[in-house]
């Protein structure tokens, strides 16, 4: 472990100590802090919303029809000034064959604020469409026709399929105009992905929602894509999802138990939840994305990682 790693570990330990002190000396302030993180996480992980669908043609390496779903997504950061790069999330390509035609579909997500500015301005709308074409060409090494047609429907396919493509297990970040290394995240960026509270009594750790780290802004166009890499595919862990009645017998809650052999610390886990689904990732080891059988109140989510059993238990109330 080098000096930087030791310094980061020391800072993280100081942060946990601060949270422990807050929970013991200011329980109300601690609860307010955790509830705020849950609210922010719930908003951040709301599903992408369809905005428009355009149709164009791929000219290479293979010719074909391409549908581009333009959508707004709250997890894509907004620009803070006109000189900022334009953040965008580009999903993976998917080939589809139906009764009418054979085509490819891809999804491009912008922040809601950016798409709102294009609603009443035709020139800005055309610019954002051209940017989407450029992003897709760069991220998927395609040659696309610059002539496109606006579809009558706002989305090709379903919202669930669109979200699945955008939430590919392989996510990489790059800058469109000039590649450069990404700066190391700050302490708060590193630890905000997992909100944890250590429990001494049962040697387990409680955590809440993941808060997305904003990418560093550099260059003119910032691309957050879901392209495949050459790394080993993470495995889907053994798990069990159960619908259970609560103590009153009226409302219900979901309980998810996930076996994570080989995981030594909860800091290896990244957990996020929305009203419709849950995503658990352990980098290069496990990937689990489940759709709930019923809508849930994501702000009620709690999770407990049992170190000895190496089992993560997640509970959340059903709407």
C-alpha atoms as a PDB file:
ATOM      1  CA  UNK A   1       0.000   0.000   0.000  1.00  0.00           C
ATOM      2  CA  UNK A   2       1.564   3.334  -1.031  1.00  0.00           C
ATOM      3  CA  UNK A   3       1.541   6.683   0.794  1.00  0.00           C
ATOM      4  CA  UNK A   4      -1.551   7.908  -1.092  1.00  0.00           C
ATOM      5  CA  UNK A   5      -3.504   4.776  -0.150  1.00  0.00           C
ATOM      6  CA  UNK A   6      -2.501   5.133   3.504  1.00  0.00           C
ATOM      7  CA  UNK A   7      -3.561   8.774   3.513  1.00  0.00           C
ATOM      8  CA  UNK A   8      -6.909   7.950   1.907  1.00  0.00           C
ATOM      9  CA  UNK A   9      -7.500   5.130   4.411  1.00  0.00           C
ATOM     10  CA  UNK A  10      -6.705   7.454   7.295  1.00  0.00           C
ATOM     11  CA  UNK A  11      -9.157  10.043   5.975  1.00  0.00           C
ATOM     12  CA  UNK A  12     -11.895   7.435   5.559  1.00  0.00           C
ATOM     13  CA  UNK A  13     -11.338   6.204   9.131  1.00  0.00           C
ATOM     14  CA  UNK A  14     -11.634   9.784  10.354  1.00  0.00           C
ATOM     15  CA  UNK A  15     -14.918  10.146   8.483  1.00  0.00           C
ATOM     16  CA  UNK A  16     -16.319   6.953  10.027  1.00  0.00           C
ATOM     17  CA  UNK A  17     -15.233   8.197  13.441  1.00  0.00           C
ATOM     18  CA  UNK A  18     -17.061  11.466  12.803  1.00  0.00           C
ATOM     19  CA  UNK A  19     -20.242   9.572  11.887  1.00  0.00           C
ATOM     20  CA  UNK A  20     -19.931   7.387  14.999  1.00  0.00           C
ATOM     21  CA  UNK A  21     -19.608  10.496  17.179  1.00  0.00           C
ATOM     22  CA  UNK A  22     -22.592  12.091  15.444  1.00  0.00           C
ATOM     23  CA  UNK A  23     -24.777   8.989  15.948  1.00  0.00           C
ATOM     24  CA  UNK A  24     -23.929   8.885  19.681  1.00  0.00           C
ATOM     25  CA  UNK A  25     -23.868  12.591  20.538  1.00  0.00           C
ATOM     26  CA  UNK A  26     -26.357  14.030  18.016  1.00  0.00           C
ATOM     27  CA  UNK A  27     -28.764  11.239  17.008  1.00  0.00           C
ATOM     28  CA  UNK A  28     -31.279  13.667  15.496  1.00  0.00           C
ATOM     29  CA  UNK A  29     -28.619  15.346  13.368  1.00  0.00           C
ATOM     30  CA  UNK A  30     -27.315  11.914  12.328  1.00  0.00           C
ATOM     31  CA  UNK A  31     -30.802  10.763  11.318  1.00  0.00           C
ATOM     32  CA  UNK A  32     -31.375  13.971   9.346  1.00  0.00           C
ATOM     33  CA  UNK A  33     -28.076  13.437   7.530  1.00  0.00           C
ATOM     34  CA  UNK A  34     -28.910   9.826   6.590  1.00  0.00           C
ATOM     35  CA  UNK A  35     -32.470  10.732   5.500  1.00  0.00           C
ATOM     36  CA  UNK A  36     -31.115  13.509   3.279  1.00  0.00           C
ATOM     37  CA  UNK A  37     -28.740  11.076   1.592  1.00  0.00           C
ATOM     38  CA  UNK A  38     -31.623   8.655   1.023  1.00  0.00           C
ATOM     39  CA  UNK A  39     -33.793  11.373  -0.550  1.00  0.00           C
ATOM     40  CA  UNK A  40     -30.988  12.512  -2.815  1.00  0.00           C
ATOM     41  CA  UNK A  41     -30.199   8.922  -3.771  1.00  0.00           C
ATOM     42  CA  UNK A  42     -33.854   8.171  -4.569  1.00  0.00           C
ATOM     43  CA  UNK A  43     -34.022  11.147  -6.922  1.00  0.00           C
ATOM     44  CA  UNK A  44     -30.668  10.317  -8.464  1.00  0.00           C
ATOM     45  CA  UNK A  45     -31.708   6.756  -9.282  1.00  0.00           C
ATOM     46  CA  UNK A  46     -35.097   7.535 -10.793  1.00  0.00           C
ATOM     47  CA  UNK A  47     -35.455   5.903 -14.240  1.00  0.00           C
ATOM     48  CA  UNK A  48     -34.616   7.765 -17.483  1.00  0.00           C
ATOM     49  CA  UNK A  49     -37.554   9.506 -19.168  1.00  0.00           C
ATOM     50  CA  UNK A  50     -38.158   9.304 -22.959  1.00  0.00           C
ATOM     51  CA  UNK A  51     -37.762  12.641 -24.735  1.00  0.00           C
ATOM     52  CA  UNK A  52     -37.593  11.890 -28.465  1.00  0.00           C
ATOM     53  CA  UNK A  53     -36.653   9.130 -30.892  1.00  0.00           C
ATOM     54  CA  UNK A  54     -34.810   9.707 -34.159  1.00  0.00           C
ATOM     55  CA  UNK A  55     -34.133   7.296 -36.999  1.00  0.00           C
ATOM     56  CA  UNK A  56     -31.011   7.302 -39.130  1.00  0.00           C
ATOM     57  CA  UNK A  57     -28.844   4.806 -41.030  1.00  0.00           C
ATOM     58  CA  UNK A  58     -25.530   3.170 -40.237  1.00  0.00           C
ATOM     59  CA  UNK A  59     -23.144   3.355 -43.216  1.00  0.00           C
ATOM     60  CA  UNK A  60     -20.352   1.304 -41.695  1.00  0.00           C
ATOM     61  CA  UNK A  61     -18.975  -1.096 -40.718  1.00  0.00           C
ATOM     62  CA  UNK A  62     -22.398  -2.547 -41.629  1.00  0.00           C
ATOM     63  CA  UNK A  63     -25.323  -0.799 -43.265  1.00  0.00           C
ATOM     64  CA  UNK A  64     -28.620  -0.789 -41.427  1.00  0.00           C
ATOM     65  CA  UNK A  65     -31.329   1.139 -39.608  1.00  0.00           C
ATOM     66  CA  UNK A  66     -30.513   2.823 -36.290  1.00  0.00           C
ATOM     67  CA  UNK A  67     -33.057   4.178 -33.802  1.00  0.00           C
ATOM     68  CA  UNK A  68     -31.732   6.612 -31.212  1.00  0.00           C
ATOM     69  CA  UNK A  69     -33.748   7.079 -28.030  1.00  0.00           C
ATOM     70  CA  UNK A  70     -33.074  10.534 -26.612  1.00  0.00           C
ATOM     71  CA  UNK A  71     -33.925  10.615 -22.919  1.00  0.00           C
ATOM     72  CA  UNK A  72     -33.494  12.727 -19.805  1.00  0.00           C
ATOM     73  CA  UNK A  73     -31.837  11.170 -16.759  1.00  0.00           C
ATOM     74  CA  UNK A  74     -31.246  12.837 -13.402  1.00  0.00           C
ATOM     75  CA  UNK A  75     -28.028  10.936 -12.800  1.00  0.00           C
ATOM     76  CA  UNK A  76     -26.424  12.755 -15.761  1.00  0.00           C
ATOM     77  CA  UNK A  77     -25.010  16.004 -14.337  1.00  0.00           C
ATOM     78  CA  UNK A  78     -26.169  19.357 -15.689  1.00  0.00           C
ATOM     79  CA  UNK A  79     -23.871  22.037 -17.086  1.00  0.00           C
ATOM     80  CA  UNK A  80     -23.093  24.839 -14.629  1.00  0.00           C
ATOM     81  CA  UNK A  81     -22.047  27.284 -17.362  1.00  0.00           C
ATOM     82  CA  UNK A  82     -22.031  27.555 -21.157  1.00  0.00           C
ATOM     83  CA  UNK A  83     -18.276  26.905 -21.171  1.00  0.00           C
ATOM     84  CA  UNK A  84     -18.769  23.498 -19.519  1.00  0.00           C
ATOM     85  CA  UNK A  85     -18.612  20.257 -21.513  1.00  0.00           C
ATOM     86  CA  UNK A  86     -21.916  18.555 -22.278  1.00  0.00           C
ATOM     87  CA  UNK A  87     -22.243  15.430 -20.091  1.00  0.00           C
ATOM     88  CA  UNK A  88     -24.012  12.538 -21.779  1.00  0.00           C
ATOM     89  CA  UNK A  89     -24.539   8.833 -21.144  1.00  0.00           C
ATOM     90  CA  UNK A  90     -24.446   6.551 -24.181  1.00  0.00           C
ATOM     91  CA  UNK A  91     -25.912   3.061 -23.784  1.00  0.00           C
ATOM     92  CA  UNK A  92     -24.891  -0.155 -25.480  1.00  0.00           C
ATOM     93  CA  UNK A  93     -26.100  -1.100 -28.953  1.00  0.00           C
ATOM     94  CA  UNK A  94     -28.849  -3.706 -29.260  1.00  0.00           C
ATOM     95  CA  UNK A  95     -29.915  -5.477 -32.451  1.00  0.00           C
ATOM     96  CA  UNK A  96     -33.648  -6.143 -32.755  1.00  0.00           C
ATOM     97  CA  UNK A  97     -35.696  -8.119 -35.261  1.00  0.00           C
ATOM     98  CA  UNK A  98     -39.481  -7.803 -35.249  1.00  0.00           C
ATOM     99  CA  UNK A  99     -42.287  -8.546 -37.685  1.00  0.00           C
ATOM    100  CA  UNK A 100     -41.740  -5.339 -39.644  1.00  0.00           C
ATOM    101  CA  UNK A 101     -37.996  -4.723 -39.775  1.00  0.00           C
ATOM    102  CA  UNK A 102     -34.524  -5.486 -38.498  1.00  0.00           C
ATOM    103  CA  UNK A 103     -32.776  -2.595 -36.779  1.00  0.00           C
ATOM    104  CA  UNK A 104     -30.368  -1.479 -34.071  1.00  0.00           C
ATOM    105  CA  UNK A 105     -31.325   0.702 -31.117  1.00  0.00           C
ATOM    106  CA  UNK A 106     -29.178   2.810 -28.806  1.00  0.00           C
ATOM    107  CA  UNK A 107     -30.016   5.225 -26.002  1.00  0.00           C
ATOM    108  CA  UNK A 108     -28.506   8.639 -25.302  1.00  0.00           C
ATOM    109  CA  UNK A 109     -29.214  10.329 -21.957  1.00  0.00           C
ATOM    110  CA  UNK A 110     -28.789  14.014 -21.160  1.00  0.00           C
ATOM    111  CA  UNK A 111     -29.613  15.933 -18.013  1.00  0.00           C
ATOM    112  CA  UNK A 112     -33.255  17.144 -17.879  1.00  0.00           C
ATOM    113  CA  UNK A 113     -32.062  20.771 -17.791  1.00  0.00           C
ATOM    114  CA  UNK A 114     -30.249  20.458 -21.115  1.00  0.00           C
ATOM    115  CA  UNK A 115     -33.229  18.898 -22.900  1.00  0.00           C
ATOM    116  CA  UNK A 116     -35.609  21.500 -21.463  1.00  0.00           C
ATOM    117  CA  UNK A 117     -33.648  24.247 -23.213  1.00  0.00           C
ATOM    118  CA  UNK A 118     -34.209  22.542 -26.570  1.00  0.00           C
ATOM    119  CA  UNK A 119     -38.000  22.216 -26.338  1.00  0.00           C
ATOM    120  CA  UNK A 120     -38.794  25.714 -27.640  1.00  0.00           C
ATOM    121  CA  UNK A 121     -35.691  26.299 -29.732  1.00  0.00           C
ATOM    122  CA  UNK A 122     -35.531  24.363 -33.012  1.00  0.00           C
ATOM    123  CA  UNK A 123     -31.871  25.215 -33.649  1.00  0.00           C
ATOM    124  CA  UNK A 124     -30.826  24.026 -30.178  1.00  0.00           C
ATOM    125  CA  UNK A 125     -32.859  20.859 -30.699  1.00  0.00           C
ATOM    126  CA  UNK A 126     -31.041  20.140 -33.970  1.00  0.00           C
ATOM    127  CA  UNK A 127     -27.706  20.774 -32.269  1.00  0.00           C
ATOM    128  CA  UNK A 128     -28.443  18.244 -29.535  1.00  0.00           C
ATOM    129  CA  UNK A 129     -29.477  15.679 -32.166  1.00  0.00           C
ATOM    130  CA  UNK A 130     -26.209  16.222 -34.029  1.00  0.00           C
ATOM    131  CA  UNK A 131     -24.286  15.881 -30.769  1.00  0.00           C
ATOM    132  CA  UNK A 132     -26.043  12.574 -30.108  1.00  0.00           C
ATOM    133  CA  UNK A 133     -24.972  11.293 -33.530  1.00  0.00           C
ATOM    134  CA  UNK A 134     -21.400  12.372 -32.830  1.00  0.00           C
ATOM    135  CA  UNK A 135     -21.350  10.695 -29.398  1.00  0.00           C
ATOM    136  CA  UNK A 136     -22.620   7.406 -30.817  1.00  0.00           C
ATOM    137  CA  UNK A 137     -20.089   7.420 -33.663  1.00  0.00           C
ATOM    138  CA  UNK A 138     -17.221   7.981 -31.248  1.00  0.00           C
ATOM    139  CA  UNK A 139     -18.323   5.526 -28.590  1.00  0.00           C
ATOM    140  CA  UNK A 140     -19.295   2.654 -30.890  1.00  0.00           C
ATOM    141  CA  UNK A 141     -16.933   3.285 -33.849  1.00  0.00           C
ATOM    142  CA  UNK A 142     -19.790   3.687 -36.320  1.00  0.00           C
ATOM    143  CA  UNK A 143     -20.168   5.699 -39.500  1.00  0.00           C
ATOM    144  CA  UNK A 144     -23.642   7.262 -39.357  1.00  0.00           C
ATOM    145  CA  UNK A 145     -25.665   9.183 -41.887  1.00  0.00           C
ATOM    146  CA  UNK A 146     -26.100  12.782 -40.738  1.00  0.00           C
ATOM    147  CA  UNK A 147     -29.608  12.793 -42.154  1.00  0.00           C
ATOM    148  CA  UNK A 148     -32.211  11.677 -39.637  1.00  0.00           C
ATOM    149  CA  UNK A 149     -35.967  11.569 -39.192  1.00  0.00           C
ATOM    150  CA  UNK A 150     -37.887  12.345 -36.005  1.00  0.00           C
ATOM    151  CA  UNK A 151     -40.081   9.407 -35.003  1.00  0.00           C
ATOM    152  CA  UNK A 152     -43.690   9.916 -33.987  1.00  0.00           C
ATOM    153  CA  UNK A 153     -43.192   7.862 -30.810  1.00  0.00           C
ATOM    154  CA  UNK A 154     -40.830   9.213 -28.134  1.00  0.00           C
ATOM    155  CA  UNK A 155     -39.201   5.825 -27.585  1.00  0.00           C
ATOM    156  CA  UNK A 156     -38.379   2.715 -29.606  1.00  0.00           C
ATOM    157  CA  UNK A 157     -39.041  -0.230 -27.312  1.00  0.00           C
ATOM    158  CA  UNK A 158     -39.763   0.024 -23.596  1.00  0.00           C
ATOM    159  CA  UNK A 159     -38.443   2.162 -20.735  1.00  0.00           C
ATOM    160  CA  UNK A 160     -37.240  -1.001 -18.988  1.00  0.00           C
ATOM    161  CA  UNK A 161     -35.152  -2.027 -22.015  1.00  0.00           C
ATOM    162  CA  UNK A 162     -33.778   1.501 -22.294  1.00  0.00           C
ATOM    163  CA  UNK A 163     -32.734   1.507 -18.647  1.00  0.00           C
ATOM    164  CA  UNK A 164     -31.120  -1.927 -18.986  1.00  0.00           C
ATOM    165  CA  UNK A 165     -29.006  -0.734 -21.913  1.00  0.00           C
ATOM    166  CA  UNK A 166     -27.929   2.420 -20.088  1.00  0.00           C
ATOM    167  CA  UNK A 167     -27.089   0.465 -16.927  1.00  0.00           C
ATOM    168  CA  UNK A 168     -24.712  -1.961 -18.594  1.00  0.00           C
ATOM    169  CA  UNK A 169     -22.290  -3.631 -16.144  1.00  0.00           C
ATOM    170  CA  UNK A 170     -19.439  -2.211 -18.216  1.00  0.00           C
ATOM    171  CA  UNK A 171     -19.192   1.533 -17.766  1.00  0.00           C
ATOM    172  CA  UNK A 172     -16.288   3.670 -18.881  1.00  0.00           C
ATOM    173  CA  UNK A 173     -15.776   7.398 -18.979  1.00  0.00           C
ATOM    174  CA  UNK A 174     -13.960   9.404 -21.596  1.00  0.00           C
ATOM    175  CA  UNK A 175     -13.781  12.864 -23.065  1.00  0.00           C
ATOM    176  CA  UNK A 176     -14.804  13.186 -26.666  1.00  0.00           C
ATOM    177  CA  UNK A 177     -12.435  15.837 -27.960  1.00  0.00           C
ATOM    178  CA  UNK A 178      -9.191  14.962 -26.136  1.00  0.00           C
ATOM    179  CA  UNK A 179      -8.511  11.836 -24.063  1.00  0.00           C
ATOM    180  CA  UNK A 180      -6.796  12.414 -20.756  1.00  0.00           C
ATOM    181  CA  UNK A 181      -6.480  10.650 -17.436  1.00  0.00           C
ATOM    182  CA  UNK A 182      -9.225  11.263 -14.920  1.00  0.00           C
ATOM    183  CA  UNK A 183      -8.133  12.906 -11.634  1.00  0.00           C
ATOM    184  CA  UNK A 184      -8.440  10.846  -8.479  1.00  0.00           C
ATOM    185  CA  UNK A 185     -11.772  11.420  -6.720  1.00  0.00           C
ATOM    186  CA  UNK A 186     -11.799  13.424  -3.527  1.00  0.00           C
ATOM    187  CA  UNK A 187     -12.405  11.816  -0.151  1.00  0.00           C
ATOM    188  CA  UNK A 188     -16.074  12.785  -0.168  1.00  0.00           C
ATOM    189  CA  UNK A 189     -16.482  11.421  -3.686  1.00  0.00           C
ATOM    190  CA  UNK A 190     -14.957   8.120  -2.617  1.00  0.00           C
ATOM    191  CA  UNK A 191     -17.030   7.663   0.510  1.00  0.00           C
ATOM    192  CA  UNK A 192     -20.321   9.133  -0.713  1.00  0.00           C
ATOM    193  CA  UNK A 193     -20.891   6.002  -2.815  1.00  0.00           C
ATOM    194  CA  UNK A 194     -21.611   4.056   0.363  1.00  0.00           C
ATOM    195  CA  UNK A 195     -23.323   5.539   3.440  1.00  0.00           C
ATOM    196  CA  UNK A 196     -22.313   3.199   6.235  1.00  0.00           C
ATOM    197  CA  UNK A 197     -22.740   2.838   9.985  1.00  0.00           C
ATOM    198  CA  UNK A 198     -20.811   0.149  11.815  1.00  0.00           C
ATOM    199  CA  UNK A 199     -22.727  -2.026  14.287  1.00  0.00           C
ATOM    200  CA  UNK A 200     -20.491  -3.327  17.092  1.00  0.00           C
ATOM    201  CA  UNK A 201     -23.082  -5.653  18.637  1.00  0.00           C
ATOM    202  CA  UNK A 202     -23.476  -8.053  15.703  1.00  0.00           C
ATOM    203  CA  UNK A 203     -20.230  -7.314  13.814  1.00  0.00           C
ATOM    204  CA  UNK A 204     -22.248  -6.216  10.779  1.00  0.00           C
ATOM    205  CA  UNK A 205     -22.359  -3.000   8.809  1.00  0.00           C
ATOM    206  CA  UNK A 206     -25.415  -0.990   7.820  1.00  0.00           C
ATOM    207  CA  UNK A 207     -25.486   0.983   4.602  1.00  0.00           C
ATOM    208  CA  UNK A 208     -27.906   3.050   2.584  1.00  0.00           C
ATOM    209  CA  UNK A 209     -28.011   4.335  -0.966  1.00  0.00           C
ATOM    210  CA  UNK A 210     -25.176   5.044  -3.334  1.00  0.00           C
ATOM    211  CA  UNK A 211     -24.799   8.628  -4.516  1.00  0.00           C
ATOM    212  CA  UNK A 212     -23.423   8.924  -8.034  1.00  0.00           C
ATOM    213  CA  UNK A 213     -20.020  10.565  -8.357  1.00  0.00           C
ATOM    214  CA  UNK A 214     -20.012  13.455 -10.782  1.00  0.00           C
ATOM    215  CA  UNK A 215     -17.427  12.994 -13.524  1.00  0.00           C
ATOM    216  CA  UNK A 216     -14.603  15.471 -13.842  1.00  0.00           C
ATOM    217  CA  UNK A 217     -15.407  18.183 -16.397  1.00  0.00           C
ATOM    218  CA  UNK A 218     -12.794  18.494 -19.080  1.00  0.00           C
ATOM    219  CA  UNK A 219     -12.843  19.338 -22.759  1.00  0.00           C
ATOM    220  CA  UNK A 220     -15.913  20.302 -24.763  1.00  0.00           C
ATOM    221  CA  UNK A 221     -17.895  17.072 -24.676  1.00  0.00           C
ATOM    222  CA  UNK A 222     -18.013  14.656 -21.809  1.00  0.00           C
ATOM    223  CA  UNK A 223     -19.205  11.131 -22.497  1.00  0.00           C
ATOM    224  CA  UNK A 224     -20.351   8.616 -19.908  1.00  0.00           C
ATOM    225  CA  UNK A 225     -20.834   5.405 -21.854  1.00  0.00           C
ATOM    226  CA  UNK A 226     -21.730   1.778 -21.263  1.00  0.00           C
ATOM    227  CA  UNK A 227     -19.339   0.047 -23.648  1.00  0.00           C
ATOM    228  CA  UNK A 228     -17.991  -3.461 -23.260  1.00  0.00           C
ATOM    229  CA  UNK A 229     -14.430  -4.024 -22.031  1.00  0.00           C
ATOM    230  CA  UNK A 230     -12.043  -6.943 -22.187  1.00  0.00           C
ATOM    231  CA  UNK A 231     -12.175  -7.603 -18.445  1.00  0.00           C
ATOM    232  CA  UNK A 232     -13.620 -10.779 -16.994  1.00  0.00           C
ATOM    233  CA  UNK A 233     -17.402 -10.719 -16.768  1.00  0.00           C
ATOM    234  CA  UNK A 234     -18.583 -10.310 -13.138  1.00  0.00           C
ATOM    235  CA  UNK A 235     -20.652 -13.213 -11.829  1.00  0.00           C
ATOM    236  CA  UNK A 236     -24.248 -13.025 -10.656  1.00  0.00           C
ATOM    237  CA  UNK A 237     -24.199 -13.972  -6.957  1.00  0.00           C
ATOM    238  CA  UNK A 238     -26.600 -16.423  -5.345  1.00  0.00           C
ATOM    239  CA  UNK A 239     -29.598 -14.495  -4.032  1.00  0.00           C
ATOM    240  CA  UNK A 240     -33.167 -14.797  -2.806  1.00  0.00           C
ATOM    241  CA  UNK A 241     -35.887 -12.125  -3.075  1.00  0.00           C
ATOM    242  CA  UNK A 242     -38.932 -12.564  -0.809  1.00  0.00           C
ATOM    243  CA  UNK A 243     -42.119 -10.564  -0.217  1.00  0.00           C
ATOM    244  CA  UNK A 244     -42.871 -10.528   3.528  1.00  0.00           C
ATOM    245  CA  UNK A 245     -45.703  -9.105   5.674  1.00  0.00           C
ATOM    246  CA  UNK A 246     -44.635  -6.653   8.353  1.00  0.00           C
ATOM    247  CA  UNK A 247     -45.384  -7.021  12.072  1.00  0.00           C
ATOM    248  CA  UNK A 248     -48.912  -5.601  11.687  1.00  0.00           C
ATOM    249  CA  UNK A 249     -49.785  -8.034   8.907  1.00  0.00           C
ATOM    250  CA  UNK A 250     -51.009  -5.279   6.609  1.00  0.00           C
ATOM    251  CA  UNK A 251     -48.185  -3.582   4.714  1.00  0.00           C
ATOM    252  CA  UNK A 252     -45.501  -5.667   3.021  1.00  0.00           C
ATOM    253  CA  UNK A 253     -41.790  -5.355   2.484  1.00  0.00           C
ATOM    254  CA  UNK A 254     -39.212  -7.007   0.236  1.00  0.00           C
ATOM    255  CA  UNK A 255     -36.211  -8.838   1.644  1.00  0.00           C
ATOM    256  CA  UNK A 256     -33.225  -9.596  -0.566  1.00  0.00           C
ATOM    257  CA  UNK A 257     -30.454 -11.880   0.690  1.00  0.00           C
ATOM    258  CA  UNK A 258     -27.278 -11.985  -1.408  1.00  0.00           C
ATOM    259  CA  UNK A 259     -24.369 -14.369  -0.809  1.00  0.00           C
ATOM    260  CA  UNK A 260     -21.027 -12.636  -1.438  1.00  0.00           C
ATOM    261  CA  UNK A 261     -18.209 -15.139  -0.849  1.00  0.00           C
ATOM    262  CA  UNK A 262     -14.829 -13.513  -1.215  1.00  0.00           C
ATOM    263  CA  UNK A 263     -16.058 -10.062  -0.151  1.00  0.00           C
ATOM    264  CA  UNK A 264     -14.154  -8.994   2.947  1.00  0.00           C
ATOM    265  CA  UNK A 265     -15.558  -5.518   3.473  1.00  0.00           C
ATOM    266  CA  UNK A 266     -18.736  -3.629   2.688  1.00  0.00           C
ATOM    267  CA  UNK A 267     -16.574  -0.920   1.157  1.00  0.00           C
ATOM    268  CA  UNK A 268     -16.192  -3.246  -1.846  1.00  0.00           C
ATOM    269  CA  UNK A 269     -19.957  -3.059  -2.505  1.00  0.00           C
ATOM    270  CA  UNK A 270     -21.858  -0.428  -4.430  1.00  0.00           C
ATOM    271  CA  UNK A 271     -25.614  -0.507  -3.863  1.00  0.00           C
ATOM    272  CA  UNK A 272     -28.260   1.624  -5.554  1.00  0.00           C
ATOM    273  CA  UNK A 273     -32.050   1.363  -5.550  1.00  0.00           C
ATOM    274  CA  UNK A 274     -35.007   2.967  -7.281  1.00  0.00           C
ATOM    275  CA  UNK A 275     -38.749   2.481  -7.028  1.00  0.00           C
ATOM    276  CA  UNK A 276     -38.533  -0.267  -9.648  1.00  0.00           C
ATOM    277  CA  UNK A 277     -35.174  -2.013  -9.309  1.00  0.00           C
ATOM    278  CA  UNK A 278     -31.983  -2.580  -7.352  1.00  0.00           C
ATOM    279  CA  UNK A 279     -28.365  -2.738  -8.492  1.00  0.00           C
ATOM    280  CA  UNK A 280     -25.502  -4.304  -6.550  1.00  0.00           C
ATOM    281  CA  UNK A 281     -21.922  -4.261  -7.853  1.00  0.00           C
ATOM    282  CA  UNK A 282     -18.648  -5.555  -6.469  1.00  0.00           C
ATOM    283  CA  UNK A 283     -16.006  -4.454  -8.927  1.00  0.00           C
ATOM    284  CA  UNK A 284     -14.715  -7.290 -11.153  1.00  0.00           C
ATOM    285  CA  UNK A 285     -16.427  -9.909  -8.923  1.00  0.00           C
ATOM    286  CA  UNK A 286     -20.219  -9.603  -8.735  1.00  0.00           C
ATOM    287  CA  UNK A 287     -23.004  -7.838 -10.633  1.00  0.00           C
ATOM    288  CA  UNK A 288     -26.689  -8.189  -9.676  1.00  0.00           C
ATOM    289  CA  UNK A 289     -29.499  -6.147 -11.249  1.00  0.00           C
ATOM    290  CA  UNK A 290     -33.050  -7.117 -10.248  1.00  0.00           C
ATOM    291  CA  UNK A 291     -36.457  -5.683 -11.089  1.00  0.00           C
ATOM    292  CA  UNK A 292     -38.822  -5.630  -8.118  1.00  0.00           C
ATOM    293  CA  UNK A 293     -42.114  -7.547  -8.405  1.00  0.00           C
ATOM    294  CA  UNK A 294     -43.840  -4.447  -7.007  1.00  0.00           C
ATOM    295  CA  UNK A 295     -42.993  -0.763  -6.625  1.00  0.00           C
ATOM    296  CA  UNK A 296     -41.178   0.133  -3.399  1.00  0.00           C
ATOM    297  CA  UNK A 297     -40.522   3.164  -1.216  1.00  0.00           C
ATOM    298  CA  UNK A 298     -36.822   3.551  -1.876  1.00  0.00           C
ATOM    299  CA  UNK A 299     -36.403   5.957   1.069  1.00  0.00           C
ATOM    300  CA  UNK A 300     -37.216   3.043   3.432  1.00  0.00           C
ATOM    301  CA  UNK A 301     -34.358   0.892   2.175  1.00  0.00           C
ATOM    302  CA  UNK A 302     -31.924  -0.506   4.718  1.00  0.00           C
ATOM    303  CA  UNK A 303     -29.146  -3.004   4.195  1.00  0.00           C
ATOM    304  CA  UNK A 304     -26.975  -5.072   6.510  1.00  0.00           C
ATOM    305  CA  UNK A 305     -23.736  -6.811   5.557  1.00  0.00           C
ATOM    306  CA  UNK A 306     -22.809  -9.728   7.825  1.00  0.00           C
ATOM    307  CA  UNK A 307     -19.042 -10.044   7.740  1.00  0.00           C
ATOM    308  CA  UNK A 308     -18.807 -13.589   9.056  1.00  0.00           C
ATOM    309  CA  UNK A 309     -21.551 -15.039   6.845  1.00  0.00           C
ATOM    310  CA  UNK A 310     -20.607 -12.786   3.908  1.00  0.00           C
ATOM    311  CA  UNK A 311     -24.301 -12.143   3.245  1.00  0.00           C
ATOM    312  CA  UNK A 312     -25.904  -8.823   2.365  1.00  0.00           C
ATOM    313  CA  UNK A 313     -29.527  -8.427   3.510  1.00  0.00           C
ATOM    314  CA  UNK A 314     -31.592  -5.624   1.977  1.00  0.00           C
ATOM    315  CA  UNK A 315     -35.124  -4.718   3.119  1.00  0.00           C
ATOM    316  CA  UNK A 316     -37.468  -2.127   1.626  1.00  0.00           C
ATOM    317  CA  UNK A 317     -41.183  -1.355   2.076  1.00  0.00           C
ATOM    318  CA  UNK A 318     -43.627  -2.067  -0.762  1.00  0.00           C
ATOM    319  CA  UNK A 319     -45.857   0.800  -1.909  1.00  0.00           C
END
